[in-house]
């Protein structure tokens, strides 16, 4: 009884560990004395202490996690239109991500402690406490999925996904350490979906550091867990990310198998009504076709590469009409369909596509991008002509987009929004009498890249030499629409 009273006194002061220690001793004495009443009293008091410990941990986790949810809601609601006077945030992307991840780690650790105390509570109340932790952990999972599967505002291809290109090598190593700690904590929470998400995050961080073996293992683990728990969004993401790693390693056969599996999942997700991550799904479906296009060209299957390029083009935008057609018809474009179109229009089709690949620069410790241009010429009769132009490695040009930007700037045909953001006066139309005809050189460069490589085929094989009045239809892609 003295030990029980002492334990309750510690409880009233908030010294929960000391209270639990005293009550443990009281129960041991009751067991030795074989006094059931004392034993029940000590156990009841211990349950009260454990509930108090649970409450402290649970409220501490909520205090850390709730501001993260508020931050997401504010970021969604307070969208501002950028202006010329908008100043970039002084806080780096890594600083924000580091602070966010630390708070998430602390919340998960507190929930793990709360779950431990909840499981020690005897009686029916234990299940209610466990359910409270389970709901909170799933809420945190939905929050992290929203972060991980947020659509990219930058449509330029990157070496690795989930904005990992914005970190330095040292910052990536730091994030890997903290996410591995989170993965250890999650083992006690019993939420396999969380394990799949964390493995996907770790895979992209390893891939950003060119740790391809570790990245592949993380993505395989994520895919396995997600598939076993019917978590299609993360399963499709991990399959796509793993294929991206394998394409970089030239493991084309395995990468193609993974991409077709991912494509089936993305298409299924895109058809779901009220899909929360629709933009993210469409972006990654686009990425699937982009990687498949690269595989087809690398394995000399140029017709299939053309089909992948056309599927990629048709999934660039969210098209309601196409969605309705896909629900009722097989609308996947084939080379035969395109030949039929060329014949019915009596026009030669010239189809362009640009891809970005990456090499690891050992000295700089980062991935370097190089651009390639694919051109298909499809006459009304005959074989398809394919040409690959190595824009960066062959001609030391960073990108065709740079040439196009220079040309538009020389002709003063930037959009009013672009000029307003740059603090320039609004344009009055195309200006061709700029000093020293600055627009001629970028135009010549574009001609050398886009027309000259296929000129012989157009004039002879496509019949334009004998019938110059025949139509040629150019099908651009991406930034080539600005030409």
Protein backbone atom coordinates (compact mmCIF):
# COMPACT_ATOMS: atom_id res chain seq x y z
CA UNK A 1 0.00 0.00 0.00
CA UNK A 2 2.92 2.36 0.76
CA UNK A 3 4.40 1.67 -2.68
CA UNK A 4 1.00 2.20 -4.33
CA UNK A 5 0.53 5.52 -2.53
CA UNK A 6 4.03 6.60 -3.49
CA UNK A 7 3.36 5.70 -7.13
CA UNK A 8 0.12 7.68 -7.16
CA UNK A 9 1.95 10.64 -5.61
CA UNK A 10 4.54 10.54 -8.42
CA UNK A 11 1.67 10.33 -10.92
CA UNK A 12 0.05 13.46 -9.49
CA UNK A 13 3.36 15.32 -9.88
CA UNK A 14 3.78 14.09 -13.48
CA UNK A 15 6.79 11.86 -12.72
CA UNK A 16 5.41 9.01 -14.81
CA UNK A 17 8.54 6.83 -14.95
CA UNK A 18 9.00 6.97 -11.17
CA UNK A 19 5.30 6.26 -10.68
CA UNK A 20 5.45 3.19 -12.92
CA UNK A 21 8.56 1.94 -11.10
CA UNK A 22 6.87 2.16 -7.70
CA UNK A 23 3.73 0.44 -8.98
CA UNK A 24 5.80 -2.38 -10.50
CA UNK A 25 7.34 -2.97 -7.07
CA UNK A 26 3.87 -2.86 -5.44
CA UNK A 27 2.58 -5.49 -7.85
CA UNK A 28 5.61 -7.71 -7.18
CA UNK A 29 4.93 -7.48 -3.43
CA UNK A 30 1.25 -8.30 -4.02
CA UNK A 31 2.22 -11.37 -6.06
CA UNK A 32 4.56 -12.61 -3.35
CA UNK A 33 1.92 -11.99 -0.70
CA UNK A 34 -0.67 -13.73 -2.90
CA UNK A 35 -3.08 -10.86 -2.27
CA UNK A 36 -5.36 -10.59 -5.28
CA UNK A 37 -6.93 -7.29 -4.17
CA UNK A 38 -3.53 -5.60 -3.83
CA UNK A 39 -2.50 -7.00 -7.22
CA UNK A 40 -5.65 -5.67 -8.94
CA UNK A 41 -5.20 -2.27 -7.31
CA UNK A 42 -1.57 -2.02 -8.42
CA UNK A 43 -2.51 -3.12 -11.96
CA UNK A 44 -5.29 -0.52 -12.15
CA UNK A 45 -2.90 2.22 -11.06
CA UNK A 46 -0.31 1.02 -13.61
CA UNK A 47 -2.95 1.24 -16.37
CA UNK A 48 -3.62 4.83 -15.31
CA UNK A 49 0.10 5.65 -15.56
CA UNK A 50 0.41 3.98 -18.96
CA UNK A 51 -2.59 5.92 -20.23
CA UNK A 52 -0.93 9.09 -18.99
CA UNK A 53 2.31 8.13 -20.75
CA UNK A 54 0.33 7.37 -23.91
CA UNK A 55 -1.36 10.76 -23.71
CA UNK A 56 1.96 12.59 -23.33
CA UNK A 57 3.51 10.83 -26.34
CA UNK A 58 0.40 11.10 -28.50
CA UNK A 59 -0.06 14.81 -27.83
CA UNK A 60 3.64 15.45 -28.43
CA UNK A 61 3.37 13.70 -31.83
CA UNK A 62 0.28 15.71 -32.73
CA UNK A 63 1.97 18.96 -31.70
CA UNK A 64 4.83 18.20 -34.11
CA UNK A 65 2.74 16.81 -36.98
CA UNK A 66 -0.24 19.20 -37.08
CA UNK A 67 1.88 22.19 -38.29
CA UNK A 68 3.07 20.07 -41.23
CA UNK A 69 -0.54 19.55 -42.31
CA UNK A 70 -1.24 23.28 -41.88
CA UNK A 71 1.81 24.08 -43.99
CA UNK A 72 0.53 21.88 -46.82
CA UNK A 73 -2.92 23.49 -46.69
CA UNK A 74 -1.44 27.01 -46.69
CA UNK A 75 0.84 26.11 -49.57
CA UNK A 76 -2.17 24.88 -51.55
CA UNK A 77 -4.40 27.87 -50.76
CA UNK A 78 -1.90 30.72 -50.91
CA UNK A 79 -0.77 30.37 -54.52
CA UNK A 80 0.65 33.67 -55.74
CA UNK A 81 1.23 34.71 -59.32
CA UNK A 82 4.95 35.43 -59.77
CA UNK A 83 5.91 38.98 -60.74
CA UNK A 84 9.09 40.73 -61.68
CA UNK A 85 9.40 42.00 -58.12
CA UNK A 86 8.92 38.58 -56.50
CA UNK A 87 12.00 37.73 -54.45
CA UNK A 88 13.14 34.14 -54.15
CA UNK A 89 13.04 32.63 -50.68
CA UNK A 90 16.33 32.84 -48.84
CA UNK A 91 15.64 29.44 -47.33
CA UNK A 92 17.04 26.70 -49.54
CA UNK A 93 14.99 23.74 -50.71
CA UNK A 94 17.17 21.41 -48.64
CA UNK A 95 16.70 23.49 -45.48
CA UNK A 96 12.92 23.23 -45.81
CA UNK A 97 13.02 19.52 -46.59
CA UNK A 98 15.44 18.81 -43.75
CA UNK A 99 13.26 20.61 -41.21
CA UNK A 100 10.13 18.88 -42.52
CA UNK A 101 11.72 15.42 -42.41
CA UNK A 102 13.04 15.96 -38.88
CA UNK A 103 9.55 16.89 -37.66
CA UNK A 104 8.05 13.88 -39.41
CA UNK A 105 10.69 11.62 -37.85
CA UNK A 106 9.98 13.01 -34.38
CA UNK A 107 6.21 12.54 -34.79
CA UNK A 108 6.65 8.92 -35.90
CA UNK A 109 8.97 8.21 -32.96
CA UNK A 110 6.42 9.64 -30.54
CA UNK A 111 3.65 7.54 -32.09
CA UNK A 112 5.88 4.46 -31.78
CA UNK A 113 6.33 5.20 -28.06
CA UNK A 114 2.59 5.79 -27.67
CA UNK A 115 1.87 2.47 -29.38
CA UNK A 116 4.22 0.70 -26.98
CA UNK A 117 2.38 2.15 -23.96
CA UNK A 118 -1.01 1.41 -25.52
CA UNK A 119 -0.10 -2.26 -26.00
CA UNK A 120 0.85 -2.48 -22.28
CA UNK A 121 -2.57 -1.27 -21.12
CA UNK A 122 -4.66 -4.24 -19.99
CA UNK A 123 -8.36 -4.55 -20.71
CA UNK A 124 -10.57 -3.25 -23.52
CA UNK A 125 -9.10 0.24 -23.52
CA UNK A 126 -5.90 -0.97 -25.16
CA UNK A 127 -7.53 -1.50 -28.58
CA UNK A 128 -8.98 2.02 -28.65
CA UNK A 129 -5.58 3.54 -27.95
CA UNK A 130 -3.92 1.38 -30.61
CA UNK A 131 -6.59 2.44 -33.11
CA UNK A 132 -5.88 6.09 -32.34
CA UNK A 133 -2.19 5.62 -33.21
CA UNK A 134 -3.05 3.61 -36.35
CA UNK A 135 -5.31 6.40 -37.65
CA UNK A 136 -2.65 9.03 -36.98
CA UNK A 137 0.07 6.99 -38.70
CA UNK A 138 -2.16 6.54 -41.77
CA UNK A 139 -2.83 10.28 -41.79
CA UNK A 140 0.94 10.84 -41.79
CA UNK A 141 1.23 8.29 -44.62
CA UNK A 142 -1.31 10.20 -46.74
CA UNK A 143 0.62 13.39 -46.02
CA UNK A 144 3.93 11.86 -47.17
CA UNK A 145 2.31 10.35 -50.27
CA UNK A 146 1.02 13.83 -51.13
CA UNK A 147 4.58 15.16 -50.83
CA UNK A 148 6.23 12.25 -52.64
CA UNK A 149 3.65 12.14 -55.44
CA UNK A 150 3.32 15.87 -55.97
CA UNK A 151 3.54 16.75 -59.69
CA UNK A 152 6.70 18.40 -60.89
CA UNK A 153 6.38 22.03 -61.95
CA UNK A 154 9.60 21.68 -63.98
CA UNK A 155 8.88 19.50 -67.01
CA UNK A 156 12.53 19.21 -68.02
CA UNK A 157 13.83 15.63 -67.69
CA UNK A 158 15.95 14.99 -64.61
CA UNK A 159 18.42 12.27 -63.73
CA UNK A 160 16.44 11.30 -60.61
CA UNK A 161 12.89 11.94 -59.41
CA UNK A 162 11.22 13.58 -56.38
CA UNK A 163 13.26 16.80 -56.67
CA UNK A 164 16.46 15.05 -55.54
CA UNK A 165 18.38 16.99 -58.20
CA UNK A 166 18.05 20.10 -56.02
CA UNK A 167 20.33 18.69 -53.31
CA UNK A 168 24.11 18.56 -53.18
CA UNK A 169 25.85 15.20 -52.69
CA UNK A 170 26.40 15.90 -48.98
CA UNK A 171 22.75 16.88 -48.50
CA UNK A 172 21.60 13.68 -50.19
CA UNK A 173 23.78 11.64 -47.82
CA UNK A 174 22.25 13.44 -44.83
CA UNK A 175 18.72 12.78 -46.06
CA UNK A 176 19.54 9.10 -46.64
CA UNK A 177 20.66 8.80 -43.01
CA UNK A 178 17.51 10.36 -41.60
CA UNK A 179 15.18 8.33 -43.85
CA UNK A 180 16.97 5.12 -42.82
CA UNK A 181 16.31 6.09 -39.18
CA UNK A 182 12.64 6.62 -40.07
CA UNK A 183 12.56 3.19 -41.70
CA UNK A 184 13.80 1.60 -38.44
CA UNK A 185 11.13 3.45 -36.43
CA UNK A 186 8.38 2.30 -38.79
CA UNK A 187 9.09 -1.37 -38.07
CA UNK A 188 7.44 -0.99 -34.66
CA UNK A 189 4.40 0.78 -36.14
CA UNK A 190 3.40 -2.12 -38.39
CA UNK A 191 2.43 -0.10 -41.48
CA UNK A 192 3.84 -1.78 -44.63
CA UNK A 193 2.59 1.03 -46.91
CA UNK A 194 4.91 3.40 -45.04
CA UNK A 195 7.82 1.03 -45.71
CA UNK A 196 7.04 1.12 -49.46
CA UNK A 197 7.00 4.94 -49.51
CA UNK A 198 10.25 5.29 -47.54
CA UNK A 199 12.01 2.73 -49.77
CA UNK A 200 10.93 4.73 -52.83
CA UNK A 201 12.33 7.94 -51.31
CA UNK A 202 15.61 6.22 -50.44
CA UNK A 203 15.83 4.75 -53.93
CA UNK A 204 15.66 8.17 -55.56
CA UNK A 205 18.23 9.62 -53.16
CA UNK A 206 20.62 6.75 -53.94
CA UNK A 207 19.96 7.15 -57.67
CA UNK A 208 20.76 10.87 -57.43
CA UNK A 209 24.16 9.85 -56.00
CA UNK A 210 24.60 7.25 -58.78
CA UNK A 211 24.41 4.44 -56.20
CA UNK A 212 22.60 2.33 -58.79
CA UNK A 213 22.77 -1.01 -56.96
CA UNK A 214 21.34 0.41 -53.73
CA UNK A 215 18.71 2.35 -55.69
CA UNK A 216 17.60 -0.77 -57.55
CA UNK A 217 17.33 -2.75 -54.29
CA UNK A 218 15.24 0.01 -52.68
CA UNK A 219 12.87 0.18 -55.64
CA UNK A 220 12.52 -3.62 -55.75
CA UNK A 221 11.65 -3.68 -52.04
CA UNK A 222 9.17 -0.81 -52.50
CA UNK A 223 7.51 -2.53 -55.46
CA UNK A 224 7.21 -5.84 -53.58
CA UNK A 225 5.65 -4.25 -50.49
CA UNK A 226 3.32 -1.99 -52.51
CA UNK A 227 2.11 -4.88 -54.70
CA UNK A 228 1.43 -7.05 -51.63
CA UNK A 229 -0.66 -4.28 -50.03
CA UNK A 230 -2.54 -3.10 -53.15
CA UNK A 231 -0.76 0.26 -53.16
CA UNK A 232 -0.85 0.84 -56.93
CA UNK A 233 0.38 4.45 -56.94
CA UNK A 234 3.66 3.66 -55.17
CA UNK A 235 4.04 0.35 -57.03
CA UNK A 236 3.81 2.12 -60.40
CA UNK A 237 6.18 4.87 -59.21
CA UNK A 238 8.79 2.39 -58.01
CA UNK A 239 8.57 0.35 -61.21
CA UNK A 240 9.10 3.52 -63.28
CA UNK A 241 12.00 4.73 -61.12
CA UNK A 242 13.68 1.32 -61.22
CA UNK A 243 13.32 1.23 -65.00
CA UNK A 244 14.93 4.69 -65.15
CA UNK A 245 17.95 3.27 -63.30
CA UNK A 246 18.16 0.25 -65.63
CA UNK A 247 17.91 2.40 -68.77
CA UNK A 248 20.91 4.37 -67.51
CA UNK A 249 22.75 1.06 -67.10
CA UNK A 250 21.68 -0.08 -70.61
CA UNK A 251 19.75 -3.08 -69.16
CA UNK A 252 17.12 -2.60 -71.82
CA UNK A 253 15.34 -5.95 -71.67
CA UNK A 254 14.60 -5.79 -67.92
CA UNK A 255 13.78 -2.07 -68.09
CA UNK A 256 11.27 -2.67 -70.88
CA UNK A 257 9.53 -5.40 -68.87
CA UNK A 258 9.20 -3.09 -65.87
CA UNK A 259 7.96 -0.18 -67.98
CA UNK A 260 5.16 -2.19 -69.57
CA UNK A 261 4.05 -3.29 -66.09
CA UNK A 262 4.20 0.32 -64.89
CA UNK A 263 2.33 1.57 -67.97
CA UNK A 264 -0.56 -0.80 -67.27
CA UNK A 265 -0.80 0.52 -63.70
CA UNK A 266 -0.60 4.19 -64.76
CA UNK A 267 -3.34 3.70 -67.36
CA UNK A 268 -5.51 1.99 -64.73
CA UNK A 269 -4.90 4.83 -62.26
CA UNK A 270 -5.62 7.47 -64.91
CA UNK A 271 -9.05 5.92 -65.54
CA UNK A 272 -10.07 6.12 -61.88
CA UNK A 273 -12.68 8.73 -61.07
CA UNK A 274 -11.75 11.44 -58.57
CA UNK A 275 -8.07 10.57 -58.88
CA UNK A 276 -6.26 12.88 -56.43
CA UNK A 277 -2.89 12.53 -58.17
CA UNK A 278 -4.06 12.81 -61.79
CA UNK A 279 -1.33 15.24 -62.92
CA UNK A 280 1.36 13.11 -61.26
CA UNK A 281 -0.07 9.99 -62.93
CA UNK A 282 -0.11 11.61 -66.38
CA UNK A 283 3.44 12.93 -65.96
CA UNK A 284 4.73 9.46 -65.11
CA UNK A 285 2.76 7.81 -67.92
CA UNK A 286 4.53 10.32 -70.18
CA UNK A 287 7.86 9.30 -68.59
CA UNK A 288 7.10 5.61 -69.28
CA UNK A 289 6.61 6.26 -72.98
CA UNK A 290 9.71 8.49 -73.07
CA UNK A 291 11.88 5.71 -71.58
CA UNK A 292 10.28 3.09 -73.85
CA UNK A 293 11.07 5.33 -76.83
CA UNK A 294 14.73 5.45 -75.78
CA UNK A 295 14.82 1.66 -75.39
CA UNK A 296 13.27 1.08 -78.83
CA UNK A 297 15.81 3.37 -80.51
CA UNK A 298 18.73 1.86 -78.58
CA UNK A 299 17.67 -1.62 -79.75
CA UNK A 300 17.14 -0.45 -83.39
CA UNK A 301 13.34 -0.82 -83.37
CA UNK A 302 12.64 2.49 -85.07
CA UNK A 303 8.98 1.82 -85.97
CA UNK A 304 8.16 0.92 -82.39
CA UNK A 305 10.13 3.97 -81.23
CA UNK A 306 7.90 6.12 -83.45
CA UNK A 307 4.80 4.57 -81.89
CA UNK A 308 6.12 5.30 -78.38
CA UNK A 309 6.88 8.90 -79.40
CA UNK A 310 3.31 9.33 -80.64
CA UNK A 311 1.84 7.82 -77.46
CA UNK A 312 4.05 10.15 -75.43
CA UNK A 313 2.81 13.09 -77.49
CA UNK A 314 -0.83 12.11 -77.01
CA UNK A 315 -0.36 11.94 -73.22
CA UNK A 316 1.32 15.33 -72.88
CA UNK A 317 -1.95 16.93 -71.82
CA UNK A 318 -5.02 15.77 -69.92
CA UNK A 319 -7.44 15.22 -72.80
CA UNK A 320 -11.05 14.46 -71.84
CA UNK A 321 -11.96 13.43 -75.39
CA UNK A 322 -9.10 10.94 -75.51
CA UNK A 323 -10.12 9.56 -72.10
CA UNK A 324 -13.62 8.87 -73.41
CA UNK A 325 -12.24 7.27 -76.57
CA UNK A 326 -9.84 5.09 -74.54
CA UNK A 327 -12.77 3.86 -72.46
CA UNK A 328 -14.54 2.53 -75.57
CA UNK A 329 -11.92 1.93 -78.27
CA UNK A 330 -8.33 0.78 -78.74
CA UNK A 331 -6.77 4.14 -79.63
CA UNK A 332 -3.09 3.23 -79.31
CA UNK A 333 -1.39 4.64 -82.37
CA UNK A 334 0.61 2.31 -84.63
CA UNK A 335 2.94 3.04 -87.53
CA UNK A 336 0.32 1.57 -89.91
CA UNK A 337 -2.23 4.13 -88.68
CA UNK A 338 0.27 6.91 -89.36
CA UNK A 339 1.01 5.57 -92.86
CA UNK A 340 -2.73 5.54 -93.54
CA UNK A 341 -2.96 9.16 -92.37
CA UNK A 342 -0.06 10.21 -94.61
CA UNK A 343 -1.70 8.58 -97.64
CA UNK A 344 -5.14 10.01 -96.96
CA UNK A 345 -3.70 13.52 -96.55
CA UNK A 346 -1.23 13.07 -99.41
CA UNK A 347 1.44 14.59 -97.18
CA UNK A 348 4.89 13.55 -96.07
CA UNK A 349 5.05 13.39 -92.27
CA UNK A 350 8.18 14.59 -90.45
CA UNK A 351 8.01 13.67 -86.77
CA UNK A 352 10.43 15.09 -84.20
CA UNK A 353 11.18 14.01 -80.66
CA UNK A 354 13.84 15.10 -78.18
CA UNK A 355 15.23 13.02 -75.32
CA UNK A 356 17.65 13.82 -72.53
CA UNK A 357 20.12 11.24 -71.24
CA UNK A 358 22.61 11.44 -68.40
CA UNK A 359 26.23 10.56 -67.70
CA UNK A 360 27.88 10.70 -64.29
CA UNK A 361 30.70 13.24 -63.99
CA UNK A 362 33.10 11.70 -61.47
CA UNK A 363 35.08 14.91 -60.96
CA UNK A 364 32.04 17.08 -60.27
CA UNK A 365 30.07 14.35 -58.49
CA UNK A 366 26.84 14.99 -60.39
CA UNK A 367 24.91 13.83 -63.44
CA UNK A 368 25.45 15.71 -66.71
CA UNK A 369 22.64 15.90 -69.24
CA UNK A 370 23.05 15.49 -72.99
CA UNK A 371 20.30 15.91 -75.54
CA UNK A 372 19.46 13.82 -78.59
CA UNK A 373 17.08 14.61 -81.44
CA UNK A 374 15.08 11.86 -83.15
CA UNK A 375 13.60 12.50 -86.62
CA UNK A 376 11.28 10.15 -88.51
CA UNK A 377 10.30 10.87 -92.12
CA UNK A 378 7.20 8.98 -93.25
CA UNK A 379 6.43 9.23 -96.99
CA UNK A 380 3.08 8.28 -98.46
CA UNK A 381 4.74 5.20 -99.96
CA UNK A 382 7.92 3.35 -98.99
CA UNK A 383 9.95 2.91 -95.85
CA UNK A 384 10.29 5.13 -92.82
CA UNK A 385 13.54 7.09 -92.63
CA UNK A 386 15.01 7.57 -89.14
CA UNK A 387 17.82 9.89 -88.12
CA UNK A 388 19.42 10.40 -84.71
CA UNK A 389 21.29 13.64 -84.02
CA UNK A 390 23.49 13.95 -80.93
CA UNK A 391 22.88 17.59 -80.12
CA UNK A 392 25.17 17.87 -77.10
CA UNK A 393 27.97 15.37 -77.68
CA UNK A 394 28.10 15.73 -81.45
CA UNK A 395 27.66 19.51 -81.79
CA UNK A 396 28.46 20.78 -78.26
CA UNK A 397 25.05 22.42 -77.97
CA UNK A 398 23.50 22.31 -74.53
CA UNK A 399 19.97 22.06 -75.97
CA UNK A 400 17.91 23.09 -78.97
CA UNK A 401 15.74 24.99 -76.50
CA UNK A 402 18.59 27.46 -75.95
CA UNK A 403 18.78 28.14 -79.70
CA UNK A 404 15.01 28.65 -79.88
CA UNK A 405 15.10 31.03 -76.90
CA UNK A 406 17.88 33.05 -78.57
CA UNK A 407 15.90 33.20 -81.80
CA UNK A 408 12.70 34.33 -80.09
CA UNK A 409 14.64 36.92 -78.14
CA UNK A 410 16.27 38.19 -81.35
CA UNK A 411 12.90 38.48 -83.06
CA UNK A 412 11.34 40.04 -79.93
CA UNK A 413 8.51 37.53 -79.90
CA UNK A 414 8.68 36.51 -76.26
CA UNK A 415 5.24 36.25 -74.75
CA UNK A 416 3.93 39.26 -72.82
CA UNK A 417 4.05 37.19 -69.62
CA UNK A 418 7.70 36.27 -70.18
CA UNK A 419 8.66 39.88 -70.89
CA UNK A 420 6.72 41.17 -67.88
CA UNK A 421 8.45 38.69 -65.57
CA UNK A 422 11.81 39.69 -67.02
CA UNK A 423 11.03 43.39 -66.56
CA UNK A 424 11.15 44.08 -70.33
CA UNK A 425 8.75 46.32 -72.28
CA UNK A 426 5.91 44.55 -74.05
CA UNK A 427 6.57 43.57 -77.68
CA UNK A 428 4.67 44.97 -80.68
CA UNK A 429 5.11 41.90 -82.85
CA UNK A 430 7.97 40.31 -84.79
CA UNK A 431 10.98 42.57 -85.45
CA UNK A 432 13.14 41.35 -88.33
CA UNK A 433 15.31 44.47 -88.68
CA UNK A 434 17.15 43.99 -85.40
CA UNK A 435 20.82 45.11 -85.34
CA UNK A 436 23.08 42.97 -87.54
CA UNK A 437 20.22 40.56 -88.19
CA UNK A 438 20.81 38.73 -84.91
CA UNK A 439 18.04 36.29 -85.79
CA UNK A 440 19.85 34.81 -88.81
CA UNK A 441 22.40 32.72 -86.92
CA UNK A 442 19.91 30.86 -84.65
CA UNK A 443 17.65 30.30 -87.67
CA UNK A 444 20.58 28.76 -89.57
CA UNK A 445 21.37 26.58 -86.56
CA UNK A 446 17.78 25.31 -86.40
CA UNK A 447 17.85 24.59 -90.14
CA UNK A 448 21.08 22.59 -89.69
CA UNK A 449 19.49 20.48 -86.95
CA UNK A 450 15.88 20.11 -88.12
CA UNK A 451 15.94 20.20 -91.95
CA UNK A 452 19.42 19.53 -93.35
CA UNK A 453 19.77 15.93 -91.97
CA UNK A 454 16.62 14.83 -93.85
CA UNK A 455 16.91 17.09 -96.89
CA UNK A 456 18.06 14.38 -99.31
CA UNK A 457 15.31 12.04 -98.26
CA UNK A 458 12.67 14.76 -98.62
CA UNK A 459 13.78 15.86 -102.07
CA UNK A 460 14.40 12.42 -103.63
CA UNK A 461 12.72 9.62 -101.67
CA UNK A 462 9.63 11.63 -100.73
CA UNK A 463 9.25 12.98 -104.26
CA UNK A 464 9.58 16.68 -103.46
CA UNK A 465 12.30 17.10 -106.08
CA UNK A 466 9.84 16.25 -108.86
CA UNK A 467 6.73 17.66 -107.18
CA UNK A 468 7.80 20.61 -105.03
CA UNK A 469 4.14 21.59 -104.48
CA UNK A 470 3.52 18.47 -102.36
CA UNK A 471 2.71 18.99 -98.72
CA UNK A 472 5.06 18.26 -95.85
CA UNK A 473 3.55 18.08 -92.38
CA UNK A 474 5.93 18.71 -89.51
CA UNK A 475 4.97 17.18 -86.15
CA UNK A 476 7.03 18.82 -83.37
CA UNK A 477 7.22 17.87 -79.73
CA UNK A 478 7.72 19.84 -76.54
CA UNK A 479 9.63 23.08 -76.95
CA UNK A 480 9.94 22.45 -80.73
CA UNK A 481 6.37 23.79 -80.97
CA UNK A 482 7.92 27.25 -80.56
CA UNK A 483 9.89 27.02 -83.82
